[in-house]
Amino acid sequence: MNKHTIIRAANTANHLKHPGLPGRPPRHTRKTLMLLAGGAAVLLLAGCGGKPITTPVPDLVPVGEGLRVIGYALVAAAVVLTFGKILR
């Protein structure tokens, strides 16, 4: 083992003793992540029961038509710009 391997091994073991060093998130970050995960689990389990939702679903066909037109316009603009750069 050379000097660099020994230093690297010492630094690897050092992060286990000191939680503020890279490689391990700080305690408040871990606590926040655990609270978020717990809150998400509670909300998920709370939404499981009850009667089914009977709200009407709006018709989204006109939105799809508009998005198709916008998509074609973007493709056409890209083609025009490409031809303009080729001809210049």
PDB file of N, CA and C in Angstrom:
ATOM      1  N   MET A   1       0.845  -1.183   0.000  1.00  0.00           N
ATOM      2  CA  MET A   1       0.000   0.000   0.000  1.00  0.00           C
ATOM      3  C   MET A   1       0.888   1.243   0.000  1.00  0.00           C
ATOM      4  N   ASN A   2       0.520   2.166  -0.830  1.00  0.00           N
ATOM      5  CA  ASN A   2       1.285   3.400  -0.873  1.00  0.00           C
ATOM      6  C   ASN A   2       0.624   4.449   0.029  1.00  0.00           C
ATOM      7  N   LYS A   3       1.226   5.614   0.081  1.00  0.00           N
ATOM      8  CA  LYS A   3       0.762   6.681   0.977  1.00  0.00           C
ATOM      9  C   LYS A   3      -0.649   7.151   0.626  1.00  0.00           C
ATOM     10  N   HIS A   4      -0.985   7.237  -0.657  1.00  0.00           N
ATOM     11  CA  HIS A   4      -2.288   7.731  -1.070  1.00  0.00           C
ATOM     12  C   HIS A   4      -3.406   6.750  -0.701  1.00  0.00           C
ATOM     13  N   THR A   5      -3.113   5.462  -0.771  1.00  0.00           N
ATOM     14  CA  THR A   5      -4.112   4.462  -0.414  1.00  0.00           C
ATOM     15  C   THR A   5      -4.424   4.537   1.071  1.00  0.00           C
ATOM     16  N   ILE A   6      -3.418   4.748   1.880  1.00  0.00           N
ATOM     17  CA  ILE A   6      -3.625   4.841   3.332  1.00  0.00           C
ATOM     18  C   ILE A   6      -4.439   6.087   3.663  1.00  0.00           C
ATOM     19  N   ILE A   7      -4.132   7.211   3.027  1.00  0.00           N
ATOM     20  CA  ILE A   7      -4.871   8.448   3.278  1.00  0.00           C
ATOM     21  C   ILE A   7      -6.315   8.291   2.825  1.00  0.00           C
ATOM     22  N   ARG A   8      -6.533   7.682   1.665  1.00  0.00           N
ATOM     23  CA  ARG A   8      -7.886   7.487   1.158  1.00  0.00           C
ATOM     24  C   ARG A   8      -8.686   6.574   2.098  1.00  0.00           C
ATOM     25  N   ALA A   9      -8.048   5.523   2.622  1.00  0.00           N
ATOM     26  CA  ALA A   9      -8.731   4.628   3.551  1.00  0.00           C
ATOM     27  C   ALA A   9      -9.063   5.353   4.850  1.00  0.00           C
ATOM     28  N   ALA A  10      -8.166   6.226   5.311  1.00  0.00           N
ATOM     29  CA  ALA A  10      -8.431   6.983   6.535  1.00  0.00           C
ATOM     30  C   ALA A  10      -9.580   7.958   6.319  1.00  0.00           C
ATOM     31  N   ASN A  11      -9.646   8.590   5.157  1.00  0.00           N
ATOM     32  CA  ASN A  11     -10.738   9.525   4.876  1.00  0.00           C
ATOM     33  C   ASN A  11     -12.069   8.803   4.724  1.00  0.00           C
ATOM     34  N   THR A  12     -12.036   7.585   4.207  1.00  0.00           N
ATOM     35  CA  THR A  12     -13.268   6.815   4.043  1.00  0.00           C
ATOM     36  C   THR A  12     -13.849   6.463   5.406  1.00  0.00           C
ATOM     37  N   ALA A  13     -13.001   6.052   6.341  1.00  0.00           N
ATOM     38  CA  ALA A  13     -13.483   5.698   7.671  1.00  0.00           C
ATOM     39  C   ALA A  13     -13.812   6.942   8.495  1.00  0.00           C
ATOM     40  N   ASN A  14     -13.242   8.091   8.148  1.00  0.00           N
ATOM     41  CA  ASN A  14     -13.424   9.306   8.922  1.00  0.00           C
ATOM     42  C   ASN A  14     -14.849   9.836   8.826  1.00  0.00           C
ATOM     43  N   HIS A  15     -15.534   9.628   7.690  1.00  0.00           N
ATOM     44  CA  HIS A  15     -16.882  10.174   7.549  1.00  0.00           C
ATOM     45  C   HIS A  15     -17.885   9.428   8.413  1.00  0.00           C
ATOM     46  N   LEU A  16     -17.538   8.236   8.887  1.00  0.00           N
ATOM     47  CA  LEU A  16     -18.446   7.519   9.772  1.00  0.00           C
ATOM     48  C   LEU A  16     -18.458   8.132  11.171  1.00  0.00           C
ATOM     49  N   LYS A  17     -17.342   8.707  11.587  1.00  0.00           N
ATOM     50  CA  LYS A  17     -17.252   9.311  12.914  1.00  0.00           C
ATOM     51  C   LYS A  17     -17.806  10.731  12.938  1.00  0.00           C
ATOM     52  N   HIS A  18     -17.680  11.453  11.838  1.00  0.00           N
ATOM     53  CA  HIS A  18     -18.072  12.853  11.779  1.00  0.00           C
ATOM     54  C   HIS A  18     -19.188  13.026  10.751  1.00  0.00           C
ATOM     55  N   PRO A  19     -20.437  13.192  11.200  1.00  0.00           N
ATOM     56  CA  PRO A  19     -21.552  13.262  10.251  1.00  0.00           C
ATOM     57  C   PRO A  19     -21.575  14.514   9.397  1.00  0.00           C
ATOM     58  N   GLY A  20     -20.770  15.534   9.722  1.00  0.00           N
ATOM     59  CA  GLY A  20     -20.786  16.760   8.942  1.00  0.00           C
ATOM     60  C   GLY A  20     -19.947  16.682   7.678  1.00  0.00           C
ATOM     61  N   LEU A  21     -19.122  15.643   7.551  1.00  0.00           N
ATOM     62  CA  LEU A  21     -18.261  15.515   6.384  1.00  0.00           C
ATOM     63  C   LEU A  21     -19.053  14.966   5.203  1.00  0.00           C
ATOM     64  N   PRO A  22     -18.547  15.150   3.974  1.00  0.00           N
ATOM     65  CA  PRO A  22     -19.271  14.649   2.794  1.00  0.00           C
ATOM     66  C   PRO A  22     -19.462  13.139   2.854  1.00  0.00           C
ATOM     67  N   GLY A  23     -20.543  12.700   2.258  1.00  0.00           N
ATOM     68  CA  GLY A  23     -20.830  11.279   2.238  1.00  0.00           C
ATOM     69  C   GLY A  23     -22.003  10.915   3.119  1.00  0.00           C
ATOM     70  N   ARG A  24     -22.395  11.800   3.997  1.00  0.00           N
ATOM     71  CA  ARG A  24     -23.518  11.526   4.887  1.00  0.00           C
ATOM     72  C   ARG A  24     -24.262  12.832   5.114  1.00  0.00           C
ATOM     73  N   PRO A  25     -25.575  12.871   4.873  1.00  0.00           N
ATOM     74  CA  PRO A  25     -26.297  14.131   5.059  1.00  0.00           C
ATOM     75  C   PRO A  25     -26.364  14.525   6.527  1.00  0.00           C
ATOM     76  N   PRO A  26     -26.484  15.819   6.809  1.00  0.00           N
ATOM     77  CA  PRO A  26     -26.584  16.266   8.191  1.00  0.00           C
ATOM     78  C   PRO A  26     -27.839  15.715   8.868  1.00  0.00           C
ATOM     79  N   ARG A  27     -27.840  15.726  10.185  1.00  0.00           N
ATOM     80  CA  ARG A  27     -28.928  15.139  10.955  1.00  0.00           C
ATOM     81  C   ARG A  27     -30.266  15.805  10.657  1.00  0.00           C
ATOM     82  N   HIS A  28     -30.280  17.142  10.532  1.00  0.00           N
ATOM     83  CA  HIS A  28     -31.558  17.817  10.278  1.00  0.00           C
ATOM     84  C   HIS A  28     -32.106  17.466   8.893  1.00  0.00           C
ATOM     85  N   THR A  29     -31.216  17.180   7.931  1.00  0.00           N
ATOM     86  CA  THR A  29     -31.675  16.772   6.611  1.00  0.00           C
ATOM     87  C   THR A  29     -32.304  15.391   6.667  1.00  0.00           C
ATOM     88  N   ARG A  30     -31.671  14.490   7.402  1.00  0.00           N
ATOM     89  CA  ARG A  30     -32.236  13.147   7.537  1.00  0.00           C
ATOM     90  C   ARG A  30     -33.569  13.202   8.257  1.00  0.00           C
ATOM     91  N   LYS A  31     -33.662  14.041   9.281  1.00  0.00           N
ATOM     92  CA  LYS A  31     -34.910  14.159  10.025  1.00  0.00           C
ATOM     93  C   LYS A  31     -36.015  14.724   9.140  1.00  0.00           C
ATOM     94  N   THR A  32     -35.669  15.716   8.321  1.00  0.00           N
ATOM     95  CA  THR A  32     -36.652  16.306   7.412  1.00  0.00           C
ATOM     96  C   THR A  32     -37.125  15.284   6.385  1.00  0.00           C
ATOM     97  N   LEU A  33     -36.195  14.505   5.838  1.00  0.00           N
ATOM     98  CA  LEU A  33     -36.571  13.481   4.871  1.00  0.00           C
ATOM     99  C   LEU A  33     -37.469  12.423   5.504  1.00  0.00           C
ATOM    100  N   MET A  34     -37.180  12.044   6.733  1.00  0.00           N
ATOM    101  CA  MET A  34     -38.016  11.058   7.415  1.00  0.00           C
ATOM    102  C   MET A  34     -39.413  11.622   7.676  1.00  0.00           C
ATOM    103  N   LEU A  35     -39.499  12.904   8.060  1.00  0.00           N
ATOM    104  CA  LEU A  35     -40.811  13.517   8.281  1.00  0.00           C
ATOM    105  C   LEU A  35     -41.602  13.606   6.974  1.00  0.00           C
ATOM    106  N   LEU A  36     -40.934  13.950   5.882  1.00  0.00           N
ATOM    107  CA  LEU A  36     -41.615  14.006   4.591  1.00  0.00           C
ATOM    108  C   LEU A  36     -42.118  12.627   4.166  1.00  0.00           C
ATOM    109  N   ALA A  37     -41.288  11.606   4.350  1.00  0.00           N
ATOM    110  CA  ALA A  37     -41.696  10.253   3.981  1.00  0.00           C
ATOM    111  C   ALA A  37     -42.863   9.798   4.863  1.00  0.00           C
ATOM    112  N   GLY A  38     -42.805  10.104   6.156  1.00  0.00           N
ATOM    113  CA  GLY A  38     -43.901   9.737   7.060  1.00  0.00           C
ATOM    114  C   GLY A  38     -45.184  10.459   6.708  1.00  0.00           C
ATOM    115  N   GLY A  39     -45.081  11.746   6.402  1.00  0.00           N
ATOM    116  CA  GLY A  39     -46.263  12.512   6.017  1.00  0.00           C
ATOM    117  C   GLY A  39     -46.879  11.999   4.726  1.00  0.00           C
ATOM    118  N   ALA A  40     -46.028  11.639   3.768  1.00  0.00           N
ATOM    119  CA  ALA A  40     -46.535  11.087   2.511  1.00  0.00           C
ATOM    120  C   ALA A  40     -47.242   9.759   2.744  1.00  0.00           C
ATOM    121  N   ALA A  41     -46.702   8.930   3.636  1.00  0.00           N
ATOM    122  CA  ALA A  41     -47.337   7.642   3.945  1.00  0.00           C
ATOM    123  C   ALA A  41     -48.690   7.852   4.616  1.00  0.00           C
ATOM    124  N   VAL A  42     -48.765   8.819   5.539  1.00  0.00           N
ATOM    125  CA  VAL A  42     -50.043   9.092   6.214  1.00  0.00           C
ATOM    126  C   VAL A  42     -51.077   9.585   5.214  1.00  0.00           C
ATOM    127  N   LEU A  43     -50.682  10.504   4.331  1.00  0.00           N
ATOM    128  CA  LEU A  43     -51.628  11.008   3.333  1.00  0.00           C
ATOM    129  C   LEU A  43     -52.062   9.914   2.361  1.00  0.00           C
ATOM    130  N   LEU A  44     -51.138   9.033   2.004  1.00  0.00           N
ATOM    131  CA  LEU A  44     -51.484   7.941   1.100  1.00  0.00           C
ATOM    132  C   LEU A  44     -52.485   6.998   1.746  1.00  0.00           C
ATOM    133  N   LEU A  45     -52.242   6.660   3.011  1.00  0.00           N
ATOM    134  CA  LEU A  45     -53.154   5.752   3.704  1.00  0.00           C
ATOM    135  C   LEU A  45     -54.484   6.420   4.020  1.00  0.00           C
ATOM    136  N   ALA A  46     -54.483   7.721   4.248  1.00  0.00           N
ATOM    137  CA  ALA A  46     -55.729   8.427   4.553  1.00  0.00           C
ATOM    138  C   ALA A  46     -56.610   8.512   3.314  1.00  0.00           C
ATOM    139  N   GLY A  47     -56.022   8.523   2.133  1.00  0.00           N
ATOM    140  CA  GLY A  47     -56.802   8.636   0.907  1.00  0.00           C
ATOM    141  C   GLY A  47     -57.317   7.307   0.389  1.00  0.00           C
ATOM    142  N   CYS A  48     -57.000   6.203   1.059  1.00  0.00           N
ATOM    143  CA  CYS A  48     -57.411   4.889   0.555  1.00  0.00           C
ATOM    144  C   CYS A  48     -58.894   4.610   0.780  1.00  0.00           C
ATOM    145  N   GLY A  49     -59.462   5.033   1.890  1.00  0.00           N
ATOM    146  CA  GLY A  49     -60.845   4.696   2.207  1.00  0.00           C
ATOM    147  C   GLY A  49     -61.814   5.702   1.622  1.00  0.00           C
ATOM    148  N   GLY A  50     -63.108   5.414   1.830  1.00  0.00           N
ATOM    149  CA  GLY A  50     -64.127   6.366   1.402  1.00  0.00           C
ATOM    150  C   GLY A  50     -64.817   5.937   0.128  1.00  0.00           C
ATOM    151  N   LYS A  51     -65.754   6.743  -0.269  1.00  0.00           N
ATOM    152  CA  LYS A  51     -66.522   6.433  -1.480  1.00  0.00           C
ATOM    153  C   LYS A  51     -65.789   6.942  -2.714  1.00  0.00           C
ATOM    154  N   PRO A  52     -66.086   6.382  -3.875  1.00  0.00           N
ATOM    155  CA  PRO A  52     -65.391   6.815  -5.094  1.00  0.00           C
ATOM    156  C   PRO A  52     -65.778   8.242  -5.492  1.00  0.00           C
ATOM    157  N   ILE A  53     -64.868   8.899  -6.152  1.00  0.00           N
ATOM    158  CA  ILE A  53     -65.081  10.278  -6.591  1.00  0.00           C
ATOM    159  C   ILE A  53     -65.944  10.267  -7.846  1.00  0.00           C
ATOM    160  N   THR A  54     -66.961  11.111  -7.872  1.00  0.00           N
ATOM    161  CA  THR A  54     -67.880  11.136  -9.017  1.00  0.00           C
ATOM    162  C   THR A  54     -67.904  12.501  -9.690  1.00  0.00           C
ATOM    163  N   THR A  55     -66.767  13.171  -9.752  1.00  0.00           N
ATOM    164  CA  THR A  55     -66.728  14.478 -10.417  1.00  0.00           C
ATOM    165  C   THR A  55     -66.680  14.278 -11.925  1.00  0.00           C
ATOM    166  N   PRO A  56     -67.342  15.115 -12.695  1.00  0.00           N
ATOM    167  CA  PRO A  56     -67.309  14.960 -14.154  1.00  0.00           C
ATOM    168  C   PRO A  56     -65.938  15.333 -14.711  1.00  0.00           C
ATOM    169  N   VAL A  57     -65.530  14.618 -15.729  1.00  0.00           N
ATOM    170  CA  VAL A  57     -64.241  14.866 -16.364  1.00  0.00           C
ATOM    171  C   VAL A  57     -64.473  15.765 -17.578  1.00  0.00           C
ATOM    172  N   PRO A  58     -63.767  16.884 -17.673  1.00  0.00           N
ATOM    173  CA  PRO A  58     -63.969  17.781 -18.820  1.00  0.00           C
ATOM    174  C   PRO A  58     -63.415  17.176 -20.113  1.00  0.00           C
ATOM    175  N   ASP A  59     -63.967  17.619 -21.224  1.00  0.00           N
ATOM    176  CA  ASP A  59     -63.521  17.159 -22.533  1.00  0.00           C
ATOM    177  C   ASP A  59     -62.233  17.892 -22.906  1.00  0.00           C
ATOM    178  N   LEU A  60     -61.176  17.148 -23.163  1.00  0.00           N
ATOM    179  CA  LEU A  60     -59.869  17.752 -23.444  1.00  0.00           C
ATOM    180  C   LEU A  60     -59.486  17.679 -24.920  1.00  0.00           C
ATOM    181  N   VAL A  61     -60.402  17.330 -25.793  1.00  0.00           N
ATOM    182  CA  VAL A  61     -60.090  17.234 -27.221  1.00  0.00           C
ATOM    183  C   VAL A  61     -59.662  18.579 -27.806  1.00  0.00           C
ATOM    184  N   PRO A  62     -60.327  19.693 -27.495  1.00  0.00           N
ATOM    185  CA  PRO A  62     -59.864  20.973 -28.063  1.00  0.00           C
ATOM    186  C   PRO A  62     -58.448  21.345 -27.622  1.00  0.00           C
ATOM    187  N   VAL A  63     -58.088  20.985 -26.394  1.00  0.00           N
ATOM    188  CA  VAL A  63     -56.730  21.281 -25.921  1.00  0.00           C
ATOM    189  C   VAL A  63     -55.723  20.492 -26.734  1.00  0.00           C
ATOM    190  N   GLY A  64     -56.044  19.227 -27.015  1.00  0.00           N
ATOM    191  CA  GLY A  64     -55.137  18.407 -27.819  1.00  0.00           C
ATOM    192  C   GLY A  64     -54.957  18.947 -29.218  1.00  0.00           C
ATOM    193  N   GLU A  65     -56.057  19.461 -29.812  1.00  0.00           N
ATOM    194  CA  GLU A  65     -55.964  20.052 -31.158  1.00  0.00           C
ATOM    195  C   GLU A  65     -55.054  21.273 -31.149  1.00  0.00           C
ATOM    196  N   GLY A  66     -55.184  22.102 -30.137  1.00  0.00           N
ATOM    197  CA  GLY A  66     -54.338  23.295 -30.044  1.00  0.00           C
ATOM    198  C   GLY A  66     -52.877  22.941 -29.851  1.00  0.00           C
ATOM    199  N   LEU A  67     -52.616  21.925 -29.030  1.00  0.00           N
ATOM    200  CA  LEU A  67     -51.224  21.505 -28.819  1.00  0.00           C
ATOM    201  C   LEU A  67     -50.626  20.919 -30.106  1.00  0.00           C
ATOM    202  N   ARG A  68     -51.448  20.247 -30.891  1.00  0.00           N
ATOM    203  CA  ARG A  68     -50.949  19.701 -32.156  1.00  0.00           C
ATOM    204  C   ARG A  68     -50.568  20.838 -33.097  1.00  0.00           C
ATOM    205  N   VAL A  69     -51.373  21.883 -33.157  1.00  0.00           N
ATOM    206  CA  VAL A  69     -51.073  23.032 -34.017  1.00  0.00           C
ATOM    207  C   VAL A  69     -49.791  23.718 -33.567  1.00  0.00           C
ATOM    208  N   ILE A  70     -49.629  23.872 -32.263  1.00  0.00           N
ATOM    209  CA  ILE A  70     -48.407  24.498 -31.736  1.00  0.00           C
ATOM    210  C   ILE A  70     -47.191  23.635 -32.058  1.00  0.00           C
ATOM    211  N   GLY A  71     -47.344  22.316 -31.937  1.00  0.00           N
ATOM    212  CA  GLY A  71     -46.232  21.416 -32.263  1.00  0.00           C
ATOM    213  C   GLY A  71     -45.821  21.513 -33.719  1.00  0.00           C
ATOM    214  N   TYR A  72     -46.824  21.534 -34.619  1.00  0.00           N
ATOM    215  CA  TYR A  72     -46.512  21.684 -36.042  1.00  0.00           C
ATOM    216  C   TYR A  72     -45.853  23.034 -36.322  1.00  0.00           C
ATOM    217  N   ALA A  73     -46.290  24.075 -35.630  1.00  0.00           N
ATOM    218  CA  ALA A  73     -45.689  25.401 -35.827  1.00  0.00           C
ATOM    219  C   ALA A  73     -44.223  25.397 -35.385  1.00  0.00           C
ATOM    220  N   LEU A  74     -43.917  24.726 -34.300  1.00  0.00           N
ATOM    221  CA  LEU A  74     -42.522  24.656 -33.838  1.00  0.00           C
ATOM    222  C   LEU A  74     -41.649  23.875 -34.817  1.00  0.00           C
ATOM    223  N   VAL A  75     -42.184  22.770 -35.337  1.00  0.00           N
ATOM    224  CA  VAL A  75     -41.424  21.986 -36.320  1.00  0.00           C
ATOM    225  C   VAL A  75     -41.201  22.812 -37.580  1.00  0.00           C
ATOM    226  N   ALA A  76     -42.222  23.526 -38.043  1.00  0.00           N
ATOM    227  CA  ALA A  76     -42.085  24.354 -39.245  1.00  0.00           C
ATOM    228  C   ALA A  76     -41.064  25.473 -39.017  1.00  0.00           C
ATOM    229  N   ALA A  77     -41.088  26.087 -37.841  1.00  0.00           N
ATOM    230  CA  ALA A  77     -40.114  27.145 -37.545  1.00  0.00           C
ATOM    231  C   ALA A  77     -38.695  26.580 -37.531  1.00  0.00           C
ATOM    232  N   ALA A  78     -38.520  25.375 -36.980  1.00  0.00           N
ATOM    233  CA  ALA A  78     -37.190  24.765 -36.967  1.00  0.00           C
ATOM    234  C   ALA A  78     -36.710  24.466 -38.382  1.00  0.00           C
ATOM    235  N   VAL A  79     -37.617  23.995 -39.238  1.00  0.00           N
ATOM    236  CA  VAL A  79     -37.241  23.711 -40.626  1.00  0.00           C
ATOM    237  C   VAL A  79     -36.852  24.994 -41.352  1.00  0.00           C
ATOM    238  N   VAL A  80     -37.624  26.054 -41.169  1.00  0.00           N
ATOM    239  CA  VAL A  80     -37.314  27.331 -41.830  1.00  0.00           C
ATOM    240  C   VAL A  80     -35.981  27.874 -41.351  1.00  0.00           C
ATOM    241  N   LEU A  81     -35.726  27.810 -40.062  1.00  0.00           N
ATOM    242  CA  LEU A  81     -34.441  28.300 -39.526  1.00  0.00           C
ATOM    243  C   LEU A  81     -33.272  27.474 -40.061  1.00  0.00           C
ATOM    244  N   THR A  82     -33.457  26.159 -40.145  1.00  0.00           N
ATOM    245  CA  THR A  82     -32.385  25.296 -40.658  1.00  0.00           C
ATOM    246  C   THR A  82     -32.089  25.612 -42.116  1.00  0.00           C
ATOM    247  N   PHE A  83     -33.131  25.732 -42.936  1.00  0.00           N
ATOM    248  CA  PHE A  83     -32.905  26.088 -44.337  1.00  0.00           C
ATOM    249  C   PHE A  83     -32.267  27.472 -44.461  1.00  0.00           C
ATOM    250  N   GLY A  84     -32.671  28.401 -43.611  1.00  0.00           N
ATOM    251  CA  GLY A  84     -32.066  29.723 -43.643  1.00  0.00           C
ATOM    252  C   GLY A  84     -30.584  29.681 -43.329  1.00  0.00           C
ATOM    253  N   LYS A  85     -30.181  28.853 -42.366  1.00  0.00           N
ATOM    254  CA  LYS A  85     -28.759  28.740 -42.040  1.00  0.00           C
ATOM    255  C   LYS A  85     -27.996  28.029 -43.143  1.00  0.00           C
ATOM    256  N   ILE A  86     -28.648  27.053 -43.783  1.00  0.00           N
ATOM    257  CA  ILE A  86     -27.963  26.339 -44.869  1.00  0.00           C
ATOM    258  C   ILE A  86     -27.727  27.264 -46.054  1.00  0.00           C
ATOM    259  N   LEU A  87     -28.718  28.078 -46.386  1.00  0.00           N
ATOM    260  CA  LEU A  87     -28.596  28.957 -47.545  1.00  0.00           C
ATOM    261  C   LEU A  87     -27.696  30.152 -47.297  1.00  0.00           C
ATOM    262  N   ARG A  88     -27.509  30.533 -46.077  1.00  0.00           N
ATOM    263  CA  ARG A  88     -26.671  31.696 -45.788  1.00  0.00           C
ATOM    264  C   ARG A  88     -25.262  31.302 -45.945  1.00  0.00           C
TER     265      ARG A  88
END
